[in-house]
Each structure stands twice: as structure tokens, then as C-alpha cells.
Amino acid sequence: PEIAFLLDGRLGPRTLMQLGYDRAVSEFDID
């Protein structure tokens, strides 16, 4: 992909990051 996102395993921050990522991917035309 054009953009690669690396996440670590701490549950709380990871969940928030995943939420932000999912929202952006759903709204923007990004790979």
C-alpha cells in the first residue's frame, strides 16, 4: 500500500488508533 501503519499491542491506545485509522480509510481515498 501507499501508506503503512504499524501498531503495537497496548490495548487502549491501539483501539483508539484503530478507530482513527478506520474512520480515515472509510472517508478518504487512500491506499
mmCIF file of all heavy atoms, coordinates in Angstrom:
data_MODEL
# 
_entry.id   MODEL 
# 
loop_
_atom_site.group_PDB 
_atom_site.id 
_atom_site.type_symbol 
_atom_site.label_atom_id 
_atom_site.label_alt_id 
_atom_site.label_comp_id 
_atom_site.label_asym_id 
_atom_site.label_entity_id 
_atom_site.label_seq_id 
_atom_site.pdbx_PDB_ins_code 
_atom_site.Cartn_x 
_atom_site.Cartn_y 
_atom_site.Cartn_z 
_atom_site.occupancy 
_atom_site.B_iso_or_equiv 
_atom_site.pdbx_formal_charge 
_atom_site.auth_seq_id 
_atom_site.auth_comp_id 
_atom_site.auth_asym_id 
_atom_site.auth_atom_id 
_atom_site.pdbx_PDB_model_num 
ATOM 1   N N   . PRO A 1 1  ? 0.831   -1.207 0.000  1.00 0.00 ? 1  PRO A N   1 
ATOM 2   C CA  . PRO A 1 1  ? 0.000   0.000  0.000  1.00 0.00 ? 1  PRO A CA  1 
ATOM 3   C C   . PRO A 1 1  ? 0.864   1.254  0.000  1.00 0.00 ? 1  PRO A C   1 
ATOM 4   O O   . PRO A 1 1  ? 2.055   1.208  0.322  1.00 0.00 ? 1  PRO A O   1 
ATOM 5   C CB  . PRO A 1 1  ? -0.793  -0.127 1.299  1.00 0.00 ? 1  PRO A CB  1 
ATOM 6   C CG  . PRO A 1 1  ? 0.080   -0.939 2.197  1.00 0.00 ? 1  PRO A CG  1 
ATOM 7   C CD  . PRO A 1 1  ? 0.780   -1.920 1.295  1.00 0.00 ? 1  PRO A CD  1 
ATOM 8   N N   . GLU A 1 2  ? 0.263   2.354  -0.346 1.00 0.00 ? 2  GLU A N   1 
ATOM 9   C CA  . GLU A 1 2  ? 0.991   3.627  -0.319 1.00 0.00 ? 2  GLU A CA  1 
ATOM 10  C C   . GLU A 1 2  ? 1.282   4.060  1.112  1.00 0.00 ? 2  GLU A C   1 
ATOM 11  O O   . GLU A 1 2  ? 2.300   4.685  1.388  1.00 0.00 ? 2  GLU A O   1 
ATOM 12  C CB  . GLU A 1 2  ? 0.168   4.702  -1.030 1.00 0.00 ? 2  GLU A CB  1 
ATOM 13  C CG  . GLU A 1 2  ? 0.865   6.053  -1.107 1.00 0.00 ? 2  GLU A CG  1 
ATOM 14  C CD  . GLU A 1 2  ? 0.020   7.115  -1.781 1.00 0.00 ? 2  GLU A CD  1 
ATOM 15  O OE1 . GLU A 1 2  ? -1.195  7.155  -1.522 1.00 0.00 ? 2  GLU A OE1 1 
ATOM 16  O OE2 . GLU A 1 2  ? 0.580   7.907  -2.555 1.00 0.00 ? 2  GLU A OE2 1 
ATOM 17  N N   . ILE A 1 3  ? 0.382   3.704  2.026  1.00 0.00 ? 3  ILE A N   1 
ATOM 18  C CA  . ILE A 1 3  ? 0.516   4.082  3.438  1.00 0.00 ? 3  ILE A CA  1 
ATOM 19  C C   . ILE A 1 3  ? 0.508   2.818  4.282  1.00 0.00 ? 3  ILE A C   1 
ATOM 20  O O   . ILE A 1 3  ? -0.401  1.992  4.169  1.00 0.00 ? 3  ILE A O   1 
ATOM 21  C CB  . ILE A 1 3  ? -0.651  4.993  3.876  1.00 0.00 ? 3  ILE A CB  1 
ATOM 22  C CG1 . ILE A 1 3  ? -0.746  6.229  2.987  1.00 0.00 ? 3  ILE A CG1 1 
ATOM 23  C CG2 . ILE A 1 3  ? -0.503  5.389  5.340  1.00 0.00 ? 3  ILE A CG2 1 
ATOM 24  C CD1 . ILE A 1 3  ? -2.046  6.994  3.158  1.00 0.00 ? 3  ILE A CD1 1 
ATOM 25  N N   . ALA A 1 4  ? 1.518   2.660  5.115  1.00 0.00 ? 4  ALA A N   1 
ATOM 26  C CA  . ALA A 1 4  ? 1.589   1.501  6.017  1.00 0.00 ? 4  ALA A CA  1 
ATOM 27  C C   . ALA A 1 4  ? 1.570   1.984  7.454  1.00 0.00 ? 4  ALA A C   1 
ATOM 28  O O   . ALA A 1 4  ? 2.311   2.906  7.819  1.00 0.00 ? 4  ALA A O   1 
ATOM 29  C CB  . ALA A 1 4  ? 2.851   0.687  5.757  1.00 0.00 ? 4  ALA A CB  1 
ATOM 30  N N   . PHE A 1 5  ? 0.723   1.351  8.259  1.00 0.00 ? 5  PHE A N   1 
ATOM 31  C CA  . PHE A 1 5  ? 0.566   1.768  9.644  1.00 0.00 ? 5  PHE A CA  1 
ATOM 32  C C   . PHE A 1 5  ? 1.009   0.640  10.558 1.00 0.00 ? 5  PHE A C   1 
ATOM 33  O O   . PHE A 1 5  ? 0.489   -0.467 10.492 1.00 0.00 ? 5  PHE A O   1 
ATOM 34  C CB  . PHE A 1 5  ? -0.904  2.101  9.908  1.00 0.00 ? 5  PHE A CB  1 
ATOM 35  C CG  . PHE A 1 5  ? -1.094  3.092  11.010 1.00 0.00 ? 5  PHE A CG  1 
ATOM 36  C CD1 . PHE A 1 5  ? -1.494  4.383  10.748 1.00 0.00 ? 5  PHE A CD1 1 
ATOM 37  C CD2 . PHE A 1 5  ? -0.856  2.732  12.324 1.00 0.00 ? 5  PHE A CD2 1 
ATOM 38  C CE1 . PHE A 1 5  ? -1.662  5.289  11.764 1.00 0.00 ? 5  PHE A CE1 1 
ATOM 39  C CE2 . PHE A 1 5  ? -1.015  3.627  13.347 1.00 0.00 ? 5  PHE A CE2 1 
ATOM 40  C CZ  . PHE A 1 5  ? -1.423  4.921  13.067 1.00 0.00 ? 5  PHE A CZ  1 
ATOM 41  N N   . LEU A 1 6  ? 1.971   0.933  11.442 1.00 0.00 ? 6  LEU A N   1 
ATOM 42  C CA  . LEU A 1 6  ? 2.482   -0.045 12.396 1.00 0.00 ? 6  LEU A CA  1 
ATOM 43  C C   . LEU A 1 6  ? 1.890   0.230  13.770 1.00 0.00 ? 6  LEU A C   1 
ATOM 44  O O   . LEU A 1 6  ? 2.020   1.329  14.305 1.00 0.00 ? 6  LEU A O   1 
ATOM 45  C CB  . LEU A 1 6  ? 4.006   0.030  12.479 1.00 0.00 ? 6  LEU A CB  1 
ATOM 46  C CG  . LEU A 1 6  ? 4.783   -0.449 11.248 1.00 0.00 ? 6  LEU A CG  1 
ATOM 47  C CD1 . LEU A 1 6  ? 6.266   -0.155 11.424 1.00 0.00 ? 6  LEU A CD1 1 
ATOM 48  C CD2 . LEU A 1 6  ? 4.565   -1.937 11.035 1.00 0.00 ? 6  LEU A CD2 1 
ATOM 49  N N   . LEU A 1 7  ? 1.238   -0.773 14.340 1.00 0.00 ? 7  LEU A N   1 
ATOM 50  C CA  . LEU A 1 7  ? 0.659   -0.648 15.669 1.00 0.00 ? 7  LEU A CA  1 
ATOM 51  C C   . LEU A 1 7  ? 1.342   -1.598 16.630 1.00 0.00 ? 7  LEU A C   1 
ATOM 52  O O   . LEU A 1 7  ? 1.725   -2.708 16.258 1.00 0.00 ? 7  LEU A O   1 
ATOM 53  C CB  . LEU A 1 7  ? -0.839  -0.972 15.637 1.00 0.00 ? 7  LEU A CB  1 
ATOM 54  C CG  . LEU A 1 7  ? -1.764  0.032  14.940 1.00 0.00 ? 7  LEU A CG  1 
ATOM 55  C CD1 . LEU A 1 7  ? -3.199  -0.470 15.009 1.00 0.00 ? 7  LEU A CD1 1 
ATOM 56  C CD2 . LEU A 1 7  ? -1.656  1.397  15.576 1.00 0.00 ? 7  LEU A CD2 1 
ATOM 57  N N   . ASP A 1 8  ? 1.469   -1.154 17.890 1.00 0.00 ? 8  ASP A N   1 
ATOM 58  C CA  . ASP A 1 8  ? 1.938   -2.074 18.917 1.00 0.00 ? 8  ASP A CA  1 
ATOM 59  C C   . ASP A 1 8  ? 0.720   -2.659 19.627 1.00 0.00 ? 8  ASP A C   1 
ATOM 60  O O   . ASP A 1 8  ? -0.407  -2.475 19.185 1.00 0.00 ? 8  ASP A O   1 
ATOM 61  C CB  . ASP A 1 8  ? 2.912   -1.386 19.883 1.00 0.00 ? 8  ASP A CB  1 
ATOM 62  C CG  . ASP A 1 8  ? 2.242   -0.299 20.711 1.00 0.00 ? 8  ASP A CG  1 
ATOM 63  O OD1 . ASP A 1 8  ? 1.008   -0.143 20.602 1.00 0.00 ? 8  ASP A OD1 1 
ATOM 64  O OD2 . ASP A 1 8  ? 2.951   0.395  21.464 1.00 0.00 ? 8  ASP A OD2 1 
ATOM 65  N N   . GLY A 1 9  ? 0.950   -3.374 20.732 1.00 0.00 ? 9  GLY A N   1 
ATOM 66  C CA  . GLY A 1 9  ? -0.119  -4.183 21.277 1.00 0.00 ? 9  GLY A CA  1 
ATOM 67  C C   . GLY A 1 9  ? -0.837  -3.653 22.488 1.00 0.00 ? 9  GLY A C   1 
ATOM 68  O O   . GLY A 1 9  ? -1.713  -4.325 23.006 1.00 0.00 ? 9  GLY A O   1 
ATOM 69  N N   . ARG A 1 10 ? -0.514  -2.472 23.006 1.00 0.00 ? 10 ARG A N   1 
ATOM 70  C CA  . ARG A 1 10 ? -1.203  -1.993 24.202 1.00 0.00 ? 10 ARG A CA  1 
ATOM 71  C C   . ARG A 1 10 ? -2.651  -1.679 23.856 1.00 0.00 ? 10 ARG A C   1 
ATOM 72  O O   . ARG A 1 10 ? -2.941  -0.866 22.981 1.00 0.00 ? 10 ARG A O   1 
ATOM 73  C CB  . ARG A 1 10 ? -0.499  -0.763 24.770 1.00 0.00 ? 10 ARG A CB  1 
ATOM 74  C CG  . ARG A 1 10 ? -1.037  -0.396 26.139 1.00 0.00 ? 10 ARG A CG  1 
ATOM 75  C CD  . ARG A 1 10 ? -0.242  0.700  26.778 1.00 0.00 ? 10 ARG A CD  1 
ATOM 76  N NE  . ARG A 1 10 ? -1.023  1.239  27.898 1.00 0.00 ? 10 ARG A NE  1 
ATOM 77  C CZ  . ARG A 1 10 ? -1.061  2.504  28.213 1.00 0.00 ? 10 ARG A CZ  1 
ATOM 78  N NH1 . ARG A 1 10 ? -0.375  3.382  27.516 1.00 0.00 ? 10 ARG A NH1 1 
ATOM 79  N NH2 . ARG A 1 10 ? -1.785  2.913  29.225 1.00 0.00 ? 10 ARG A NH2 1 
ATOM 80  N N   . LEU A 1 11 ? -3.563  -2.310 24.564 1.00 0.00 ? 11 LEU A N   1 
ATOM 81  C CA  . LEU A 1 11 ? -4.952  -2.393 24.140 1.00 0.00 ? 11 LEU A CA  1 
ATOM 82  C C   . LEU A 1 11 ? -5.633  -1.046 23.976 1.00 0.00 ? 11 LEU A C   1 
ATOM 83  O O   . LEU A 1 11 ? -6.226  -0.752 22.938 1.00 0.00 ? 11 LEU A O   1 
ATOM 84  C CB  . LEU A 1 11 ? -5.743  -3.249 25.131 1.00 0.00 ? 11 LEU A CB  1 
ATOM 85  C CG  . LEU A 1 11 ? -7.198  -3.531 24.754 1.00 0.00 ? 11 LEU A CG  1 
ATOM 86  C CD1 . LEU A 1 11 ? -7.268  -4.316 23.455 1.00 0.00 ? 11 LEU A CD1 1 
ATOM 87  C CD2 . LEU A 1 11 ? -7.897  -4.267 25.883 1.00 0.00 ? 11 LEU A CD2 1 
ATOM 88  N N   . GLY A 1 12 ? -5.590  -0.189 25.007 1.00 0.00 ? 12 GLY A N   1 
ATOM 89  C CA  . GLY A 1 12 ? -6.334  1.058  24.955 1.00 0.00 ? 12 GLY A CA  1 
ATOM 90  C C   . GLY A 1 12 ? -5.912  1.967  23.814 1.00 0.00 ? 12 GLY A C   1 
ATOM 91  O O   . GLY A 1 12 ? -6.727  2.336  22.956 1.00 0.00 ? 12 GLY A O   1 
ATOM 92  N N   . PRO A 1 13 ? -4.625  2.384  23.762 1.00 0.00 ? 13 PRO A N   1 
ATOM 93  C CA  . PRO A 1 13 ? -4.176  3.225  22.651 1.00 0.00 ? 13 PRO A CA  1 
ATOM 94  C C   . PRO A 1 13 ? -4.356  2.556  21.292 1.00 0.00 ? 13 PRO A C   1 
ATOM 95  O O   . PRO A 1 13 ? -4.708  3.217  20.310 1.00 0.00 ? 13 PRO A O   1 
ATOM 96  C CB  . PRO A 1 13 ? -2.689  3.456  22.972 1.00 0.00 ? 13 PRO A CB  1 
ATOM 97  C CG  . PRO A 1 13 ? -2.612  3.324  24.451 1.00 0.00 ? 13 PRO A CG  1 
ATOM 98  C CD  . PRO A 1 13 ? -3.600  2.248  24.804 1.00 0.00 ? 13 PRO A CD  1 
ATOM 99  N N   . ARG A 1 14 ? -4.115  1.255  21.220 1.00 0.00 ? 14 ARG A N   1 
ATOM 100 C CA  . ARG A 1 14 ? -4.266  0.566  19.942 1.00 0.00 ? 14 ARG A CA  1 
ATOM 101 C C   . ARG A 1 14 ? -5.707  0.660  19.448 1.00 0.00 ? 14 ARG A C   1 
ATOM 102 O O   . ARG A 1 14 ? -5.962  0.878  18.259 1.00 0.00 ? 14 ARG A O   1 
ATOM 103 C CB  . ARG A 1 14 ? -3.857  -0.900 20.082 1.00 0.00 ? 14 ARG A CB  1 
ATOM 104 C CG  . ARG A 1 14 ? -3.931  -1.677 18.763 1.00 0.00 ? 14 ARG A CG  1 
ATOM 105 C CD  . ARG A 1 14 ? -3.618  -3.155 18.971 1.00 0.00 ? 14 ARG A CD  1 
ATOM 106 N NE  . ARG A 1 14 ? -3.764  -3.878 17.707 1.00 0.00 ? 14 ARG A NE  1 
ATOM 107 C CZ  . ARG A 1 14 ? -2.752  -4.324 16.982 1.00 0.00 ? 14 ARG A CZ  1 
ATOM 108 N NH1 . ARG A 1 14 ? -1.514  -4.115 17.382 1.00 0.00 ? 14 ARG A NH1 1 
ATOM 109 N NH2 . ARG A 1 14 ? -2.961  -4.970 15.860 1.00 0.00 ? 14 ARG A NH2 1 
ATOM 110 N N   . THR A 1 15 ? -6.663  0.505  20.357 1.00 0.00 ? 15 THR A N   1 
ATOM 111 C CA  . THR A 1 15 ? -8.067  0.595  19.976 1.00 0.00 ? 15 THR A CA  1 
ATOM 112 C C   . THR A 1 15 ? -8.403  1.975  19.443 1.00 0.00 ? 15 THR A C   1 
ATOM 113 O O   . THR A 1 15 ? -9.092  2.113  18.425 1.00 0.00 ? 15 THR A O   1 
ATOM 114 C CB  . THR A 1 15 ? -8.962  0.261  21.179 1.00 0.00 ? 15 THR A CB  1 
ATOM 115 O OG1 . THR A 1 15 ? -8.670  -1.061 21.630 1.00 0.00 ? 15 THR A OG1 1 
ATOM 116 C CG2 . THR A 1 15 ? -10.431 0.355  20.811 1.00 0.00 ? 15 THR A CG2 1 
ATOM 117 N N   . LEU A 1 16 ? -7.907  3.021  20.115 1.00 0.00 ? 16 LEU A N   1 
ATOM 118 C CA  . LEU A 1 16 ? -8.157  4.388  19.650 1.00 0.00 ? 16 LEU A CA  1 
ATOM 119 C C   . LEU A 1 16 ? -7.507  4.625  18.285 1.00 0.00 ? 16 LEU A C   1 
ATOM 120 O O   . LEU A 1 16 ? -8.104  5.249  17.395 1.00 0.00 ? 16 LEU A O   1 
ATOM 121 C CB  . LEU A 1 16 ? -7.629  5.391  20.668 1.00 0.00 ? 16 LEU A CB  1 
ATOM 122 C CG  . LEU A 1 16 ? -8.451  5.560  21.948 1.00 0.00 ? 16 LEU A CG  1 
ATOM 123 C CD1 . LEU A 1 16 ? -7.723  6.462  22.932 1.00 0.00 ? 16 LEU A CD1 1 
ATOM 124 C CD2 . LEU A 1 16 ? -9.827  6.123  21.639 1.00 0.00 ? 16 LEU A CD2 1 
ATOM 125 N N   . MET A 1 17 ? -6.279  4.153  18.117 1.00 0.00 ? 17 MET A N   1 
ATOM 126 C CA  . MET A 1 17 ? -5.605  4.317  16.831 1.00 0.00 ? 17 MET A CA  1 
ATOM 127 C C   . MET A 1 17 ? -6.362  3.609  15.721 1.00 0.00 ? 17 MET A C   1 
ATOM 128 O O   . MET A 1 17 ? -6.515  4.133  14.616 1.00 0.00 ? 17 MET A O   1 
ATOM 129 C CB  . MET A 1 17 ? -4.170  3.792  16.928 1.00 0.00 ? 17 MET A CB  1 
ATOM 130 C CG  . MET A 1 17 ? -3.271  4.649  17.782 1.00 0.00 ? 17 MET A CG  1 
ATOM 131 S SD  . MET A 1 17 ? -1.606  3.955  17.898 1.00 0.00 ? 17 MET A SD  1 
ATOM 132 C CE  . MET A 1 17 ? -0.830  5.210  18.911 1.00 0.00 ? 17 MET A CE  1 
ATOM 133 N N   . GLN A 1 18 ? -6.828  2.424  16.026 1.00 0.00 ? 18 GLN A N   1 
ATOM 134 C CA  . GLN A 1 18 ? -7.590  1.666  15.034 1.00 0.00 ? 18 GLN A CA  1 
ATOM 135 C C   . GLN A 1 18 ? -8.866  2.421  14.643 1.00 0.00 ? 18 GLN A C   1 
ATOM 136 O O   . GLN A 1 18 ? -9.243  2.453  13.468 1.00 0.00 ? 18 GLN A O   1 
ATOM 137 C CB  . GLN A 1 18 ? -7.955  0.303  15.596 1.00 0.00 ? 18 GLN A CB  1 
ATOM 138 C CG  . GLN A 1 18 ? -8.694  -0.599 14.629 1.00 0.00 ? 18 GLN A CG  1 
ATOM 139 C CD  . GLN A 1 18 ? -7.775  -1.292 13.640 1.00 0.00 ? 18 GLN A CD  1 
ATOM 140 O OE1 . GLN A 1 18 ? -6.806  -1.941 14.034 1.00 0.00 ? 18 GLN A OE1 1 
ATOM 141 N NE2 . GLN A 1 18 ? -8.069  -1.152 12.357 1.00 0.00 ? 18 GLN A NE2 1 
ATOM 142 N N   . LEU A 1 19 ? -9.505  3.056  15.625 1.00 0.00 ? 19 LEU A N   1 
ATOM 143 C CA  . LEU A 1 19 ? -10.711 3.834  15.329 1.00 0.00 ? 19 LEU A CA  1 
ATOM 144 C C   . LEU A 1 19 ? -10.406 4.988  14.384 1.00 0.00 ? 19 LEU A C   1 
ATOM 145 O O   . LEU A 1 19 ? -11.136 5.233  13.416 1.00 0.00 ? 19 LEU A O   1 
ATOM 146 C CB  . LEU A 1 19 ? -11.319 4.369  16.636 1.00 0.00 ? 19 LEU A CB  1 
ATOM 147 C CG  . LEU A 1 19 ? -12.049 3.368  17.525 1.00 0.00 ? 19 LEU A CG  1 
ATOM 148 C CD1 . LEU A 1 19 ? -12.431 4.021  18.851 1.00 0.00 ? 19 LEU A CD1 1 
ATOM 149 C CD2 . LEU A 1 19 ? -13.294 2.842  16.823 1.00 0.00 ? 19 LEU A CD2 1 
ATOM 150 N N   . GLY A 1 20 ? -9.323  5.716  14.684 1.00 0.00 ? 20 GLY A N   1 
ATOM 151 C CA  . GLY A 1 20 ? -8.948  6.830  13.816 1.00 0.00 ? 20 GLY A CA  1 
ATOM 152 C C   . GLY A 1 20 ? -8.579  6.371  12.416 1.00 0.00 ? 20 GLY A C   1 
ATOM 153 O O   . GLY A 1 20 ? -8.957  7.003  11.419 1.00 0.00 ? 20 GLY A O   1 
ATOM 154 N N   . TYR A 1 21 ? -7.852  5.264  12.357 1.00 0.00 ? 21 TYR A N   1 
ATOM 155 C CA  . TYR A 1 21 ? -7.455  4.693  11.062 1.00 0.00 ? 21 TYR A CA  1 
ATOM 156 C C   . TYR A 1 21 ? -8.685  4.260  10.265 1.00 0.00 ? 21 TYR A C   1 
ATOM 157 O O   . TYR A 1 21 ? -8.822  4.581  9.079  1.00 0.00 ? 21 TYR A O   1 
ATOM 158 C CB  . TYR A 1 21 ? -6.530  3.511  11.313 1.00 0.00 ? 21 TYR A CB  1 
ATOM 159 C CG  . TYR A 1 21 ? -6.182  2.708  10.079 1.00 0.00 ? 21 TYR A CG  1 
ATOM 160 C CD1 . TYR A 1 21 ? -5.101  3.069  9.275  1.00 0.00 ? 21 TYR A CD1 1 
ATOM 161 C CD2 . TYR A 1 21 ? -6.924  1.581  9.731  1.00 0.00 ? 21 TYR A CD2 1 
ATOM 162 C CE1 . TYR A 1 21 ? -4.774  2.328  8.145  1.00 0.00 ? 21 TYR A CE1 1 
ATOM 163 C CE2 . TYR A 1 21 ? -6.611  0.841  8.607  1.00 0.00 ? 21 TYR A CE2 1 
ATOM 164 C CZ  . TYR A 1 21 ? -5.536  1.213  7.819  1.00 0.00 ? 21 TYR A CZ  1 
ATOM 165 O OH  . TYR A 1 21 ? -5.218  0.477  6.700  1.00 0.00 ? 21 TYR A OH  1 
ATOM 166 N N   . ASP A 1 22 ? -9.590  3.523  10.911 1.00 0.00 ? 22 ASP A N   1 
ATOM 167 C CA  . ASP A 1 22 ? -10.782 3.030  10.212 1.00 0.00 ? 22 ASP A CA  1 
ATOM 168 C C   . ASP A 1 22 ? -11.631 4.181  9.687  1.00 0.00 ? 22 ASP A C   1 
ATOM 169 O O   . ASP A 1 22 ? -12.157 4.121  8.568  1.00 0.00 ? 22 ASP A O   1 
ATOM 170 C CB  . ASP A 1 22 ? -11.611 2.154  11.149 1.00 0.00 ? 22 ASP A CB  1 
ATOM 171 C CG  . ASP A 1 22 ? -10.936 0.821  11.467 1.00 0.00 ? 22 ASP A CG  1 
ATOM 172 O OD1 . ASP A 1 22 ? -10.003 0.449  10.730 1.00 0.00 ? 22 ASP A OD1 1 
ATOM 173 O OD2 . ASP A 1 22 ? -11.356 0.170  12.443 1.00 0.00 ? 22 ASP A OD2 1 
ATOM 174 N N   . ARG A 1 23 ? -11.772 5.221  10.487 1.00 0.00 ? 23 ARG A N   1 
ATOM 175 C CA  . ARG A 1 23 ? -12.567 6.366  10.053 1.00 0.00 ? 23 ARG A CA  1 
ATOM 176 C C   . ARG A 1 23 ? -11.933 7.031  8.838  1.00 0.00 ? 23 ARG A C   1 
ATOM 177 O O   . ARG A 1 23 ? -12.620 7.358  7.866  1.00 0.00 ? 23 ARG A O   1 
ATOM 178 C CB  . ARG A 1 23 ? -12.708 7.366  11.199 1.00 0.00 ? 23 ARG A CB  1 
ATOM 179 C CG  . ARG A 1 23 ? -13.522 8.603  10.832 1.00 0.00 ? 23 ARG A CG  1 
ATOM 180 C CD  . ARG A 1 23 ? -13.489 9.644  11.928 1.00 0.00 ? 23 ARG A CD  1 
ATOM 181 N NE  . ARG A 1 23 ? -14.058 10.900 11.465 1.00 0.00 ? 23 ARG A NE  1 
ATOM 182 C CZ  . ARG A 1 23 ? -13.866 12.068 12.062 1.00 0.00 ? 23 ARG A CZ  1 
ATOM 183 N NH1 . ARG A 1 23 ? -13.110 12.151 13.154 1.00 0.00 ? 23 ARG A NH1 1 
ATOM 184 N NH2 . ARG A 1 23 ? -14.417 13.169 11.571 1.00 0.00 ? 23 ARG A NH2 1 
ATOM 185 N N   . ALA A 1 24 ? -10.613 7.234  8.892  1.00 0.00 ? 24 ALA A N   1 
ATOM 186 C CA  . ALA A 1 24 ? -9.933  7.896  7.778  1.00 0.00 ? 24 ALA A CA  1 
ATOM 187 C C   . ALA A 1 24 ? -10.023 7.061  6.506  1.00 0.00 ? 24 ALA A C   1 
ATOM 188 O O   . ALA A 1 24 ? -10.288 7.588  5.418  1.00 0.00 ? 24 ALA A O   1 
ATOM 189 C CB  . ALA A 1 24 ? -8.475  8.156  8.145  1.00 0.00 ? 24 ALA A CB  1 
ATOM 190 N N   . VAL A 1 25 ? -9.816  5.762  6.623  1.00 0.00 ? 25 VAL A N   1 
ATOM 191 C CA  . VAL A 1 25 ? -9.859  4.893  5.449  1.00 0.00 ? 25 VAL A CA  1 
ATOM 192 C C   . VAL A 1 25 ? -11.256 4.890  4.829  1.00 0.00 ? 25 VAL A C   1 
ATOM 193 O O   . VAL A 1 25 ? -11.411 4.835  3.605  1.00 0.00 ? 25 VAL A O   1 
ATOM 194 C CB  . VAL A 1 25 ? -9.424  3.464  5.820  1.00 0.00 ? 25 VAL A CB  1 
ATOM 195 C CG1 . VAL A 1 25 ? -9.722  2.478  4.704  1.00 0.00 ? 25 VAL A CG1 1 
ATOM 196 C CG2 . VAL A 1 25 ? -7.938  3.440  6.166  1.00 0.00 ? 25 VAL A CG2 1 
ATOM 197 N N   . SER A 1 26 ? -12.275 4.983  5.673  1.00 0.00 ? 26 SER A N   1 
ATOM 198 C CA  . SER A 1 26 ? -13.645 4.970  5.164  1.00 0.00 ? 26 SER A CA  1 
ATOM 199 C C   . SER A 1 26 ? -14.029 6.294  4.501  1.00 0.00 ? 26 SER A C   1 
ATOM 200 O O   . SER A 1 26 ? -14.900 6.328  3.633  1.00 0.00 ? 26 SER A O   1 
ATOM 201 C CB  . SER A 1 26 ? -14.628 4.651  6.289  1.00 0.00 ? 26 SER A CB  1 
ATOM 202 O OG  . SER A 1 26 ? -14.686 5.710  7.231  1.00 0.00 ? 26 SER A OG  1 
ATOM 203 N N   . GLU A 1 27 ? -13.374 7.391  4.900  1.00 0.00 ? 27 GLU A N   1 
ATOM 204 C CA  . GLU A 1 27 ? -13.760 8.706  4.396  1.00 0.00 ? 27 GLU A CA  1 
ATOM 205 C C   . GLU A 1 27 ? -12.854 9.238  3.293  1.00 0.00 ? 27 GLU A C   1 
ATOM 206 O O   . GLU A 1 27 ? -13.289 10.041 2.465  1.00 0.00 ? 27 GLU A O   1 
ATOM 207 C CB  . GLU A 1 27 ? -13.789 9.720  5.550  1.00 0.00 ? 27 GLU A CB  1 
ATOM 208 C CG  . GLU A 1 27 ? -14.857 9.445  6.588  1.00 0.00 ? 27 GLU A CG  1 
ATOM 209 C CD  . GLU A 1 27 ? -14.902 10.503 7.669  1.00 0.00 ? 27 GLU A CD  1 
ATOM 210 O OE1 . GLU A 1 27 ? -14.307 11.594 7.459  1.00 0.00 ? 27 GLU A OE1 1 
ATOM 211 O OE2 . GLU A 1 27 ? -15.524 10.255 8.724  1.00 0.00 ? 27 GLU A OE2 1 
ATOM 212 N N   . PHE A 1 28 ? -11.582 8.821  3.302  1.00 0.00 ? 28 PHE A N   1 
ATOM 213 C CA  . PHE A 1 28 ? -10.627 9.382  2.343  1.00 0.00 ? 28 PHE A CA  1 
ATOM 214 C C   . PHE A 1 28 ? -10.299 8.351  1.263  1.00 0.00 ? 28 PHE A C   1 
ATOM 215 O O   . PHE A 1 28 ? -10.369 7.146  1.476  1.00 0.00 ? 28 PHE A O   1 
ATOM 216 C CB  . PHE A 1 28 ? -9.330  9.809  3.037  1.00 0.00 ? 28 PHE A CB  1 
ATOM 217 C CG  . PHE A 1 28 ? -9.537  10.693 4.236  1.00 0.00 ? 28 PHE A CG  1 
ATOM 218 C CD1 . PHE A 1 28 ? -8.716  10.580 5.345  1.00 0.00 ? 28 PHE A CD1 1 
ATOM 219 C CD2 . PHE A 1 28 ? -10.566 11.630 4.263  1.00 0.00 ? 28 PHE A CD2 1 
ATOM 220 C CE1 . PHE A 1 28 ? -8.896  11.385 6.450  1.00 0.00 ? 28 PHE A CE1 1 
ATOM 221 C CE2 . PHE A 1 28 ? -10.757 12.444 5.365  1.00 0.00 ? 28 PHE A CE2 1 
ATOM 222 C CZ  . PHE A 1 28 ? -9.921  12.313 6.468  1.00 0.00 ? 28 PHE A CZ  1 
ATOM 223 N N   . ASP A 1 29 ? -9.880  8.843  0.140  1.00 0.00 ? 29 ASP A N   1 
ATOM 224 C CA  . ASP A 1 29 ? -9.462  7.976  -0.954 1.00 0.00 ? 29 ASP A CA  1 
ATOM 225 C C   . ASP A 1 29 ? -7.974  7.677  -0.796 1.00 0.00 ? 29 ASP A C   1 
ATOM 226 O O   . ASP A 1 29 ? -7.122  8.301  -1.430 1.00 0.00 ? 29 ASP A O   1 
ATOM 227 C CB  . ASP A 1 29 ? -9.729  8.659  -2.295 1.00 0.00 ? 29 ASP A CB  1 
ATOM 228 C CG  . ASP A 1 29 ? -9.381  7.750  -3.471 1.00 0.00 ? 29 ASP A CG  1 
ATOM 229 O OD1 . ASP A 1 29 ? -9.305  6.524  -3.262 1.00 0.00 ? 29 ASP A OD1 1 
ATOM 230 O OD2 . ASP A 1 29 ? -9.166  8.286  -4.582 1.00 0.00 ? 29 ASP A OD2 1 
ATOM 231 N N   . ILE A 1 30 ? -7.673  6.728  0.107  1.00 0.00 ? 30 ILE A N   1 
ATOM 232 C CA  . ILE A 1 30 ? -6.276  6.401  0.383  1.00 0.00 ? 30 ILE A CA  1 
ATOM 233 C C   . ILE A 1 30 ? -6.062  4.902  0.262  1.00 0.00 ? 30 ILE A C   1 
ATOM 234 O O   . ILE A 1 30 ? -6.973  4.104  0.471  1.00 0.00 ? 30 ILE A O   1 
ATOM 235 C CB  . ILE A 1 30 ? -5.830  6.877  1.785  1.00 0.00 ? 30 ILE A CB  1 
ATOM 236 C CG1 . ILE A 1 30 ? -6.726  6.284  2.882  1.00 0.00 ? 30 ILE A CG1 1 
ATOM 237 C CG2 . ILE A 1 30 ? -5.817  8.395  1.862  1.00 0.00 ? 30 ILE A CG2 1 
ATOM 238 C CD1 . ILE A 1 30 ? -6.292  6.642  4.285  1.00 0.00 ? 30 ILE A CD1 1 
ATOM 239 N N   . ASP A 1 31 ? -4.840  4.540  -0.064 1.00 0.00 ? 31 ASP A N   1 
ATOM 240 C CA  . ASP A 1 31 ? -4.419  3.143  -0.168 1.00 0.00 ? 31 ASP A CA  1 
ATOM 241 C C   . ASP A 1 31 ? -3.569  2.843  1.056  1.00 0.00 ? 31 ASP A C   1 
ATOM 242 O O   . ASP A 1 31 ? -2.412  3.266  1.124  1.00 0.00 ? 31 ASP A O   1 
ATOM 243 C CB  . ASP A 1 31 ? -3.635  2.939  -1.467 1.00 0.00 ? 31 ASP A CB  1 
ATOM 244 C CG  . ASP A 1 31 ? -3.051  1.537  -1.580 1.00 0.00 ? 31 ASP A CG  1 
ATOM 245 O OD1 . ASP A 1 31 ? -3.613  0.613  -0.951 1.00 0.00 ? 31 ASP A OD1 1 
ATOM 246 O OD2 . ASP A 1 31 ? -2.026  1.381  -2.280 1.00 0.00 ? 31 ASP A OD2 1 
# 
